[in-house]
């Protein structure tokens, strides 16, 4: 059993997860404001981890979004609209000093990497040697694995392994595929993506066109990269994966004849927790 922590845009979760059985024994979840002060964000993380009451001396696996120096445990968020107040802070030191019972160490990995590691161990990517994963929410996260090893460079892999750094018509991919991009194209900021999805299901053409445009674009961007990487499966997670019935056809259309199996995440909110446990077990 491993102790893990996942930092999300609206919450932080601590859990005890078994990397072998891909089960989560118990978990604690706390809300947080990603635009809040460093003191509030770090305080929520430390309290959440402490509330878990994990055994002393464990190596914690911590899944956090980028930009972040995962090797050193230092936040590098700047101009991304979330966690900006954490810039330059040694998050590892904060956790090791603040969490009780004391951890022995903390290892950090990108949250999209944690997601795909979990899905590779026991979810939608299980049995695939070469797999890719995308998380769709406030931004676009990506991960590429070969036999469970995280790859950040090589054929088909975008710079730093980050598909969000890819340009589409001179703009970042997230200007076309993200929560804010979809809301901007829809033109009604009183609703969220889930509301737009419901309107699309009810037959509203504008809502369907907005979603189709975003996910077809994503597929077209991914297609040549997945072919070069020789991925056999693409797993999609994140909040938008809840609209799989709408997302899948458009994404498949964008992928064209790319020979890759397309699957929705199988482990739900446990994927990143299990993946962080797998990573922590390997790093001990």
C-alpha atoms as a PDB file:
ATOM      1  CA  UNK A   1       0.000   0.000   0.000  1.00  0.00           C
ATOM      2  CA  UNK A   2       1.338   3.472  -0.923  1.00  0.00           C
ATOM      3  CA  UNK A   3       0.363   6.933   0.233  1.00  0.00           C
ATOM      4  CA  UNK A   4      -0.522   9.271  -2.615  1.00  0.00           C
ATOM      5  CA  UNK A   5      -1.633  12.850  -3.108  1.00  0.00           C
ATOM      6  CA  UNK A   6      -3.326  14.351  -6.168  1.00  0.00           C
ATOM      7  CA  UNK A   7      -3.557  18.098  -6.732  1.00  0.00           C
ATOM      8  CA  UNK A   8      -6.419  19.150  -9.000  1.00  0.00           C
ATOM      9  CA  UNK A   9      -7.840  22.476 -10.094  1.00  0.00           C
ATOM     10  CA  UNK A  10     -10.689  22.383  -7.560  1.00  0.00           C
ATOM     11  CA  UNK A  11      -9.611  19.831  -4.977  1.00  0.00           C
ATOM     12  CA  UNK A  12      -6.796  17.846  -3.426  1.00  0.00           C
ATOM     13  CA  UNK A  13      -7.079  14.134  -2.653  1.00  0.00           C
ATOM     14  CA  UNK A  14      -4.951  11.955  -0.375  1.00  0.00           C
ATOM     15  CA  UNK A  15      -5.283   8.189  -0.440  1.00  0.00           C
ATOM     16  CA  UNK A  16      -3.781   4.837   0.359  1.00  0.00           C
ATOM     17  CA  UNK A  17      -3.528   2.927  -2.914  1.00  0.00           C
ATOM     18  CA  UNK A  18      -2.201  -0.508  -3.781  1.00  0.00           C
ATOM     19  CA  UNK A  19      -0.115  -0.426  -6.982  1.00  0.00           C
ATOM     20  CA  UNK A  20      -0.424  -4.190  -7.429  1.00  0.00           C
ATOM     21  CA  UNK A  21      -4.180  -4.616  -7.108  1.00  0.00           C
ATOM     22  CA  UNK A  22      -5.004  -1.062  -8.312  1.00  0.00           C
ATOM     23  CA  UNK A  23      -7.322  -0.549  -5.366  1.00  0.00           C
ATOM     24  CA  UNK A  24      -7.796   2.517  -3.198  1.00  0.00           C
ATOM     25  CA  UNK A  25      -8.213   1.553   0.439  1.00  0.00           C
ATOM     26  CA  UNK A  26      -9.281   4.918   1.775  1.00  0.00           C
ATOM     27  CA  UNK A  27      -9.155   8.528   0.673  1.00  0.00           C
ATOM     28  CA  UNK A  28      -9.621  12.067   1.934  1.00  0.00           C
ATOM     29  CA  UNK A  29     -10.689  14.926  -0.340  1.00  0.00           C
ATOM     30  CA  UNK A  30     -10.569  18.671   0.354  1.00  0.00           C
ATOM     31  CA  UNK A  31     -11.713  21.569  -1.832  1.00  0.00           C
ATOM     32  CA  UNK A  32      -9.243  24.260  -2.822  1.00  0.00           C
ATOM     33  CA  UNK A  33      -9.067  27.383  -4.951  1.00  0.00           C
ATOM     34  CA  UNK A  34      -6.335  27.089  -7.576  1.00  0.00           C
ATOM     35  CA  UNK A  35      -6.223  30.887  -7.765  1.00  0.00           C
ATOM     36  CA  UNK A  36      -5.809  31.235  -4.008  1.00  0.00           C
ATOM     37  CA  UNK A  37      -2.732  32.110  -2.010  1.00  0.00           C
ATOM     38  CA  UNK A  38       0.186  29.723  -1.628  1.00  0.00           C
ATOM     39  CA  UNK A  39      -0.583  29.509   2.090  1.00  0.00           C
ATOM     40  CA  UNK A  40      -4.138  28.314   1.464  1.00  0.00           C
ATOM     41  CA  UNK A  41      -3.225  25.848  -1.283  1.00  0.00           C
ATOM     42  CA  UNK A  42      -0.311  24.311   0.610  1.00  0.00           C
ATOM     43  CA  UNK A  43      -2.341  24.313   3.815  1.00  0.00           C
ATOM     44  CA  UNK A  44      -5.090  22.321   2.110  1.00  0.00           C
ATOM     45  CA  UNK A  45      -2.530  19.817   0.793  1.00  0.00           C
ATOM     46  CA  UNK A  46      -0.865  19.334   4.186  1.00  0.00           C
ATOM     47  CA  UNK A  47      -4.182  19.029   6.048  1.00  0.00           C
ATOM     48  CA  UNK A  48      -5.556  16.559   3.507  1.00  0.00           C
ATOM     49  CA  UNK A  49      -2.429  14.377   3.698  1.00  0.00           C
ATOM     50  CA  UNK A  50      -2.386  14.550   7.490  1.00  0.00           C
ATOM     51  CA  UNK A  51      -6.072  13.643   7.722  1.00  0.00           C
ATOM     52  CA  UNK A  52      -5.306  10.439   5.824  1.00  0.00           C
ATOM     53  CA  UNK A  53      -3.218   9.296   8.829  1.00  0.00           C
ATOM     54  CA  UNK A  54      -0.941   7.155   6.689  1.00  0.00           C
ATOM     55  CA  UNK A  55       1.732   5.077   8.406  1.00  0.00           C
ATOM     56  CA  UNK A  56       4.939   6.918   9.197  1.00  0.00           C
ATOM     57  CA  UNK A  57       7.940   6.558   6.911  1.00  0.00           C
ATOM     58  CA  UNK A  58       6.178   5.942   3.602  1.00  0.00           C
ATOM     59  CA  UNK A  59       7.325   7.247   0.236  1.00  0.00           C
ATOM     60  CA  UNK A  60       4.473   9.426  -1.024  1.00  0.00           C
ATOM     61  CA  UNK A  61       3.599   9.667  -4.693  1.00  0.00           C
ATOM     62  CA  UNK A  62       2.335  13.157  -5.567  1.00  0.00           C
ATOM     63  CA  UNK A  63       0.514  13.858  -8.844  1.00  0.00           C
ATOM     64  CA  UNK A  64       0.486  17.528  -9.832  1.00  0.00           C
ATOM     65  CA  UNK A  65      -0.162  19.358 -13.092  1.00  0.00           C
ATOM     66  CA  UNK A  66       2.553  21.276 -14.914  1.00  0.00           C
ATOM     67  CA  UNK A  67       4.476  23.407 -15.293  1.00  0.00           C
ATOM     68  CA  UNK A  68       6.303  21.867 -12.335  1.00  0.00           C
ATOM     69  CA  UNK A  69       9.843  20.647 -11.708  1.00  0.00           C
ATOM     70  CA  UNK A  70       8.816  17.139 -10.762  1.00  0.00           C
ATOM     71  CA  UNK A  71      12.367  15.946 -10.089  1.00  0.00           C
ATOM     72  CA  UNK A  72      13.035  18.705  -7.541  1.00  0.00           C
ATOM     73  CA  UNK A  73       9.467  19.118  -6.278  1.00  0.00           C
ATOM     74  CA  UNK A  74       9.420  22.830  -7.074  1.00  0.00           C
ATOM     75  CA  UNK A  75       6.386  24.635  -8.530  1.00  0.00           C
ATOM     76  CA  UNK A  76       6.908  26.493 -11.805  1.00  0.00           C
ATOM     77  CA  UNK A  77       3.357  27.654 -12.463  1.00  0.00           C
ATOM     78  CA  UNK A  78       3.381  31.006 -14.268  1.00  0.00           C
ATOM     79  CA  UNK A  79       0.732  32.564 -16.463  1.00  0.00           C
ATOM     80  CA  UNK A  80      -1.413  29.430 -16.572  1.00  0.00           C
ATOM     81  CA  UNK A  81      -4.306  30.796 -14.530  1.00  0.00           C
ATOM     82  CA  UNK A  82      -3.917  28.384 -11.628  1.00  0.00           C
ATOM     83  CA  UNK A  83      -1.486  27.842  -8.768  1.00  0.00           C
ATOM     84  CA  UNK A  84       0.503  30.898  -9.865  1.00  0.00           C
ATOM     85  CA  UNK A  85       1.149  31.888  -6.244  1.00  0.00           C
ATOM     86  CA  UNK A  86       3.122  28.662  -5.742  1.00  0.00           C
ATOM     87  CA  UNK A  87       5.853  29.696  -8.192  1.00  0.00           C
ATOM     88  CA  UNK A  88       9.325  28.836  -6.905  1.00  0.00           C
ATOM     89  CA  UNK A  89       8.112  27.056  -3.764  1.00  0.00           C
ATOM     90  CA  UNK A  90       9.698  23.768  -2.758  1.00  0.00           C
ATOM     91  CA  UNK A  91       6.477  21.794  -2.362  1.00  0.00           C
ATOM     92  CA  UNK A  92       8.358  18.641  -1.408  1.00  0.00           C
ATOM     93  CA  UNK A  93       9.949  20.398   1.587  1.00  0.00           C
ATOM     94  CA  UNK A  94       6.565  21.746   2.668  1.00  0.00           C
ATOM     95  CA  UNK A  95       5.010  18.275   2.614  1.00  0.00           C
ATOM     96  CA  UNK A  96       7.925  16.554   4.347  1.00  0.00           C
ATOM     97  CA  UNK A  97       7.950  19.202   7.079  1.00  0.00           C
ATOM     98  CA  UNK A  98       4.181  19.562   7.490  1.00  0.00           C
ATOM     99  CA  UNK A  99       2.541  16.175   7.015  1.00  0.00           C
ATOM    100  CA  UNK A 100       2.069  13.971  10.064  1.00  0.00           C
ATOM    101  CA  UNK A 101       2.880  11.101  10.502  1.00  0.00           C
ATOM    102  CA  UNK A 102       6.090  12.053   8.710  1.00  0.00           C
ATOM    103  CA  UNK A 103       6.724  10.726   5.174  1.00  0.00           C
ATOM    104  CA  UNK A 104      10.151   9.301   4.411  1.00  0.00           C
ATOM    105  CA  UNK A 105      10.205  10.999   1.021  1.00  0.00           C
ATOM    106  CA  UNK A 106       7.904  12.388  -1.670  1.00  0.00           C
ATOM    107  CA  UNK A 107       8.215  11.810  -5.412  1.00  0.00           C
ATOM    108  CA  UNK A 108       6.343  13.935  -7.927  1.00  0.00           C
ATOM    109  CA  UNK A 109       4.911  13.189 -11.347  1.00  0.00           C
ATOM    110  CA  UNK A 110       2.690  14.956 -13.818  1.00  0.00           C
ATOM    111  CA  UNK A 111      -0.998  14.294 -13.194  1.00  0.00           C
ATOM    112  CA  UNK A 112      -1.574  13.154 -16.784  1.00  0.00           C
ATOM    113  CA  UNK A 113       1.310  10.699 -16.426  1.00  0.00           C
ATOM    114  CA  UNK A 114      -0.212   9.409 -13.197  1.00  0.00           C
ATOM    115  CA  UNK A 115      -3.566   9.023 -14.958  1.00  0.00           C
ATOM    116  CA  UNK A 116      -2.125   6.938 -17.791  1.00  0.00           C
ATOM    117  CA  UNK A 117       0.048   4.848 -15.456  1.00  0.00           C
ATOM    118  CA  UNK A 118      -3.080   3.917 -13.526  1.00  0.00           C
ATOM    119  CA  UNK A 119      -4.988   3.065 -16.683  1.00  0.00           C
ATOM    120  CA  UNK A 120      -2.027   1.030 -17.956  1.00  0.00           C
ATOM    121  CA  UNK A 121      -1.792  -0.946 -14.730  1.00  0.00           C
ATOM    122  CA  UNK A 122      -5.454  -1.842 -14.405  1.00  0.00           C
ATOM    123  CA  UNK A 123      -7.686   0.235 -16.665  1.00  0.00           C
ATOM    124  CA  UNK A 124      -8.355   0.990 -20.313  1.00  0.00           C
ATOM    125  CA  UNK A 125      -4.684   0.701 -21.391  1.00  0.00           C
ATOM    126  CA  UNK A 126      -4.036  -2.616 -19.672  1.00  0.00           C
ATOM    127  CA  UNK A 127      -2.219  -5.064 -21.930  1.00  0.00           C
ATOM    128  CA  UNK A 128      -0.895  -2.378 -24.300  1.00  0.00           C
ATOM    129  CA  UNK A 129       2.870  -1.936 -24.577  1.00  0.00           C
ATOM    130  CA  UNK A 130       2.672   1.472 -26.248  1.00  0.00           C
ATOM    131  CA  UNK A 131      -0.114   3.739 -25.079  1.00  0.00           C
ATOM    132  CA  UNK A 132      -1.040   7.406 -25.018  1.00  0.00           C
ATOM    133  CA  UNK A 133      -3.404   9.302 -22.758  1.00  0.00           C
ATOM    134  CA  UNK A 134      -5.193  12.631 -22.884  1.00  0.00           C
ATOM    135  CA  UNK A 135      -6.938  14.422 -20.021  1.00  0.00           C
ATOM    136  CA  UNK A 136      -9.506  17.052 -20.957  1.00  0.00           C
ATOM    137  CA  UNK A 137     -10.632  19.659 -18.463  1.00  0.00           C
ATOM    138  CA  UNK A 138      -9.454  23.167 -17.686  1.00  0.00           C
ATOM    139  CA  UNK A 139      -6.524  22.307 -19.972  1.00  0.00           C
ATOM    140  CA  UNK A 140      -5.225  19.424 -22.062  1.00  0.00           C
ATOM    141  CA  UNK A 141      -2.844  16.958 -20.406  1.00  0.00           C
ATOM    142  CA  UNK A 142      -0.968  14.219 -22.221  1.00  0.00           C
ATOM    143  CA  UNK A 143       1.151  11.165 -21.516  1.00  0.00           C
ATOM    144  CA  UNK A 144       3.049   8.550 -23.501  1.00  0.00           C
ATOM    145  CA  UNK A 145       4.120   5.190 -22.071  1.00  0.00           C
ATOM    146  CA  UNK A 146       6.207   2.279 -23.322  1.00  0.00           C
ATOM    147  CA  UNK A 147       5.881  -0.808 -21.156  1.00  0.00           C
ATOM    148  CA  UNK A 148       4.891   1.398 -18.229  1.00  0.00           C
ATOM    149  CA  UNK A 149       7.820   3.804 -18.632  1.00  0.00           C
ATOM    150  CA  UNK A 150       6.989   7.491 -19.072  1.00  0.00           C
ATOM    151  CA  UNK A 151       8.412   8.929 -22.287  1.00  0.00           C
ATOM    152  CA  UNK A 152       9.010  12.662 -22.737  1.00  0.00           C
ATOM    153  CA  UNK A 153      10.856  12.548 -26.041  1.00  0.00           C
ATOM    154  CA  UNK A 154      11.116  10.401 -29.125  1.00  0.00           C
ATOM    155  CA  UNK A 155       9.179   9.824 -32.367  1.00  0.00           C
ATOM    156  CA  UNK A 156       5.686  11.293 -32.194  1.00  0.00           C
ATOM    157  CA  UNK A 157       6.105  12.764 -28.720  1.00  0.00           C
ATOM    158  CA  UNK A 158       5.525  16.546 -28.537  1.00  0.00           C
ATOM    159  CA  UNK A 159       8.002  18.858 -26.782  1.00  0.00           C
ATOM    160  CA  UNK A 160       8.399  17.805 -23.126  1.00  0.00           C
ATOM    161  CA  UNK A 161       5.698  15.207 -23.788  1.00  0.00           C
ATOM    162  CA  UNK A 162       3.120  18.034 -23.653  1.00  0.00           C
ATOM    163  CA  UNK A 163       0.512  18.136 -26.400  1.00  0.00           C
ATOM    164  CA  UNK A 164      -0.674  21.502 -25.027  1.00  0.00           C
ATOM    165  CA  UNK A 165       2.535  23.062 -26.382  1.00  0.00           C
ATOM    166  CA  UNK A 166       1.566  22.162 -29.952  1.00  0.00           C
ATOM    167  CA  UNK A 167       0.437  25.089 -32.123  1.00  0.00           C
ATOM    168  CA  UNK A 168      -2.780  25.048 -34.163  1.00  0.00           C
ATOM    169  CA  UNK A 169      -3.108  27.885 -36.682  1.00  0.00           C
ATOM    170  CA  UNK A 170      -0.540  29.891 -34.738  1.00  0.00           C
ATOM    171  CA  UNK A 171      -2.196  29.381 -31.347  1.00  0.00           C
ATOM    172  CA  UNK A 172      -1.689  26.854 -28.588  1.00  0.00           C
ATOM    173  CA  UNK A 173      -3.865  23.757 -28.726  1.00  0.00           C
ATOM    174  CA  UNK A 174      -5.646  24.850 -25.556  1.00  0.00           C
ATOM    175  CA  UNK A 175      -7.027  27.838 -27.463  1.00  0.00           C
ATOM    176  CA  UNK A 176      -9.059  25.278 -29.420  1.00  0.00           C
ATOM    177  CA  UNK A 177      -9.517  22.406 -26.979  1.00  0.00           C
ATOM    178  CA  UNK A 178     -10.110  23.256 -23.323  1.00  0.00           C
ATOM    179  CA  UNK A 179     -12.943  24.336 -21.091  1.00  0.00           C
ATOM    180  CA  UNK A 180     -12.260  28.020 -21.688  1.00  0.00           C
ATOM    181  CA  UNK A 181     -11.933  27.550 -25.456  1.00  0.00           C
ATOM    182  CA  UNK A 182     -15.251  25.694 -25.711  1.00  0.00           C
ATOM    183  CA  UNK A 183     -17.051  28.284 -23.574  1.00  0.00           C
ATOM    184  CA  UNK A 184     -15.579  31.096 -25.653  1.00  0.00           C
ATOM    185  CA  UNK A 185     -16.738  29.512 -28.901  1.00  0.00           C
ATOM    186  CA  UNK A 186     -20.164  28.780 -27.496  1.00  0.00           C
ATOM    187  CA  UNK A 187     -20.559  32.400 -26.385  1.00  0.00           C
ATOM    188  CA  UNK A 188     -22.509  31.879 -23.163  1.00  0.00           C
ATOM    189  CA  UNK A 189     -20.345  31.947 -20.042  1.00  0.00           C
ATOM    190  CA  UNK A 190     -23.323  31.298 -17.775  1.00  0.00           C
ATOM    191  CA  UNK A 191     -23.088  27.594 -18.677  1.00  0.00           C
ATOM    192  CA  UNK A 192     -20.373  24.958 -18.389  1.00  0.00           C
ATOM    193  CA  UNK A 193     -19.184  22.297 -20.842  1.00  0.00           C
ATOM    194  CA  UNK A 194     -21.540  19.732 -19.315  1.00  0.00           C
ATOM    195  CA  UNK A 195     -24.476  22.074 -20.050  1.00  0.00           C
ATOM    196  CA  UNK A 196     -23.336  22.523 -23.631  1.00  0.00           C
ATOM    197  CA  UNK A 197     -23.141  18.737 -23.939  1.00  0.00           C
ATOM    198  CA  UNK A 198     -26.717  18.394 -22.688  1.00  0.00           C
ATOM    199  CA  UNK A 199     -27.887  20.970 -25.221  1.00  0.00           C
ATOM    200  CA  UNK A 200     -26.059  19.083 -27.973  1.00  0.00           C
ATOM    201  CA  UNK A 201     -27.830  15.859 -26.963  1.00  0.00           C
ATOM    202  CA  UNK A 202     -31.149  17.746 -27.016  1.00  0.00           C
ATOM    203  CA  UNK A 203     -30.524  18.678 -30.643  1.00  0.00           C
ATOM    204  CA  UNK A 204     -29.039  22.176 -30.449  1.00  0.00           C
ATOM    205  CA  UNK A 205     -26.895  22.485 -33.577  1.00  0.00           C
ATOM    206  CA  UNK A 206     -24.634  25.270 -32.293  1.00  0.00           C
ATOM    207  CA  UNK A 207     -23.716  23.268 -29.191  1.00  0.00           C
ATOM    208  CA  UNK A 208     -22.943  20.189 -31.298  1.00  0.00           C
ATOM    209  CA  UNK A 209     -20.858  22.201 -33.774  1.00  0.00           C
ATOM    210  CA  UNK A 210     -18.765  23.720 -30.983  1.00  0.00           C
ATOM    211  CA  UNK A 211     -17.984  20.327 -29.440  1.00  0.00           C
ATOM    212  CA  UNK A 212     -17.411  18.655 -32.795  1.00  0.00           C
ATOM    213  CA  UNK A 213     -14.999  21.393 -33.805  1.00  0.00           C
ATOM    214  CA  UNK A 214     -12.952  21.103 -30.625  1.00  0.00           C
ATOM    215  CA  UNK A 215     -12.646  17.331 -30.561  1.00  0.00           C
ATOM    216  CA  UNK A 216     -12.090  16.929 -34.297  1.00  0.00           C
ATOM    217  CA  UNK A 217      -9.230  19.421 -34.009  1.00  0.00           C
ATOM    218  CA  UNK A 218      -7.769  17.414 -31.145  1.00  0.00           C
ATOM    219  CA  UNK A 219      -7.922  14.229 -33.207  1.00  0.00           C
ATOM    220  CA  UNK A 220      -6.241  15.862 -36.188  1.00  0.00           C
ATOM    221  CA  UNK A 221      -3.402  17.130 -33.977  1.00  0.00           C
ATOM    222  CA  UNK A 222      -2.937  13.732 -32.341  1.00  0.00           C
ATOM    223  CA  UNK A 223      -3.167  11.591 -35.489  1.00  0.00           C
ATOM    224  CA  UNK A 224       0.365  11.954 -36.930  1.00  0.00           C
ATOM    225  CA  UNK A 225       1.925  11.838 -33.467  1.00  0.00           C
ATOM    226  CA  UNK A 226       0.148   8.648 -32.477  1.00  0.00           C
ATOM    227  CA  UNK A 227       1.190   7.045 -35.746  1.00  0.00           C
ATOM    228  CA  UNK A 228       4.847   8.035 -35.256  1.00  0.00           C
ATOM    229  CA  UNK A 229       4.781   6.868 -31.638  1.00  0.00           C
ATOM    230  CA  UNK A 230       3.092   3.615 -32.739  1.00  0.00           C
ATOM    231  CA  UNK A 231       0.510   3.801 -29.963  1.00  0.00           C
ATOM    232  CA  UNK A 232      -2.005   0.983 -29.991  1.00  0.00           C
ATOM    233  CA  UNK A 233      -4.464   2.668 -27.636  1.00  0.00           C
ATOM    234  CA  UNK A 234      -5.450   6.239 -26.765  1.00  0.00           C
ATOM    235  CA  UNK A 235      -7.160   6.648 -23.393  1.00  0.00           C
ATOM    236  CA  UNK A 236      -9.194   9.774 -22.706  1.00  0.00           C
ATOM    237  CA  UNK A 237      -9.944  11.039 -19.203  1.00  0.00           C
ATOM    238  CA  UNK A 238     -10.739  14.244 -17.376  1.00  0.00           C
ATOM    239  CA  UNK A 239     -14.030  16.003 -16.782  1.00  0.00           C
ATOM    240  CA  UNK A 240     -14.968  16.116 -20.474  1.00  0.00           C
ATOM    241  CA  UNK A 241     -14.725  12.344 -20.803  1.00  0.00           C
ATOM    242  CA  UNK A 242     -18.121  12.262 -19.099  1.00  0.00           C
ATOM    243  CA  UNK A 243     -19.470  13.353 -22.503  1.00  0.00           C
ATOM    244  CA  UNK A 244     -17.915  10.337 -24.230  1.00  0.00           C
ATOM    245  CA  UNK A 245     -20.982   9.792 -26.412  1.00  0.00           C
ATOM    246  CA  UNK A 246     -20.342  13.196 -27.996  1.00  0.00           C
ATOM    247  CA  UNK A 247     -16.565  13.265 -27.742  1.00  0.00           C
ATOM    248  CA  UNK A 248     -15.730   9.904 -29.269  1.00  0.00           C
ATOM    249  CA  UNK A 249     -17.255  10.313 -32.766  1.00  0.00           C
ATOM    250  CA  UNK A 250     -15.609  13.710 -33.287  1.00  0.00           C
ATOM    251  CA  UNK A 251     -12.255  12.573 -31.953  1.00  0.00           C
ATOM    252  CA  UNK A 252     -12.399   9.450 -34.131  1.00  0.00           C
ATOM    253  CA  UNK A 253     -13.205  11.601 -37.159  1.00  0.00           C
ATOM    254  CA  UNK A 254     -10.171  13.769 -36.459  1.00  0.00           C
ATOM    255  CA  UNK A 255      -7.956  10.713 -36.044  1.00  0.00           C
ATOM    256  CA  UNK A 256      -9.050   9.439 -39.436  1.00  0.00           C
ATOM    257  CA  UNK A 257      -7.506   6.088 -40.311  1.00  0.00           C
ATOM    258  CA  UNK A 258      -4.932   6.212 -37.512  1.00  0.00           C
ATOM    259  CA  UNK A 259      -4.637   2.573 -36.339  1.00  0.00           C
ATOM    260  CA  UNK A 260      -5.266   3.188 -32.665  1.00  0.00           C
ATOM    261  CA  UNK A 261      -7.943   1.884 -30.306  1.00  0.00           C
ATOM    262  CA  UNK A 262      -9.886   4.733 -28.711  1.00  0.00           C
ATOM    263  CA  UNK A 263     -11.106   4.238 -25.149  1.00  0.00           C
ATOM    264  CA  UNK A 264     -12.591   6.207 -22.291  1.00  0.00           C
ATOM    265  CA  UNK A 265     -10.811   5.938 -18.946  1.00  0.00           C
ATOM    266  CA  UNK A 266     -11.790   2.879 -16.959  1.00  0.00           C
ATOM    267  CA  UNK A 267     -10.706   3.768 -13.417  1.00  0.00           C
ATOM    268  CA  UNK A 268     -12.442   7.134 -13.079  1.00  0.00           C
ATOM    269  CA  UNK A 269     -11.096   9.375 -10.325  1.00  0.00           C
ATOM    270  CA  UNK A 270      -8.906   6.540  -9.029  1.00  0.00           C
ATOM    271  CA  UNK A 271      -6.674   6.439 -12.131  1.00  0.00           C
ATOM    272  CA  UNK A 272      -4.196   9.118 -11.047  1.00  0.00           C
ATOM    273  CA  UNK A 273      -4.135   7.809  -7.470  1.00  0.00           C
ATOM    274  CA  UNK A 274      -3.254   4.309  -8.647  1.00  0.00           C
ATOM    275  CA  UNK A 275      -0.704   5.713 -11.084  1.00  0.00           C
ATOM    276  CA  UNK A 276       0.973   7.763  -8.365  1.00  0.00           C
ATOM    277  CA  UNK A 277       1.190   4.605  -6.251  1.00  0.00           C
ATOM    278  CA  UNK A 278       2.781   2.702  -9.138  1.00  0.00           C
ATOM    279  CA  UNK A 279       5.313   5.509  -9.579  1.00  0.00           C
ATOM    280  CA  UNK A 280       6.116   5.701  -5.863  1.00  0.00           C
ATOM    281  CA  UNK A 281       6.648   1.951  -5.694  1.00  0.00           C
ATOM    282  CA  UNK A 282       9.098   2.088  -8.591  1.00  0.00           C
ATOM    283  CA  UNK A 283      10.994   5.047  -7.143  1.00  0.00           C
ATOM    284  CA  UNK A 284      11.575   3.683  -3.655  1.00  0.00           C
END
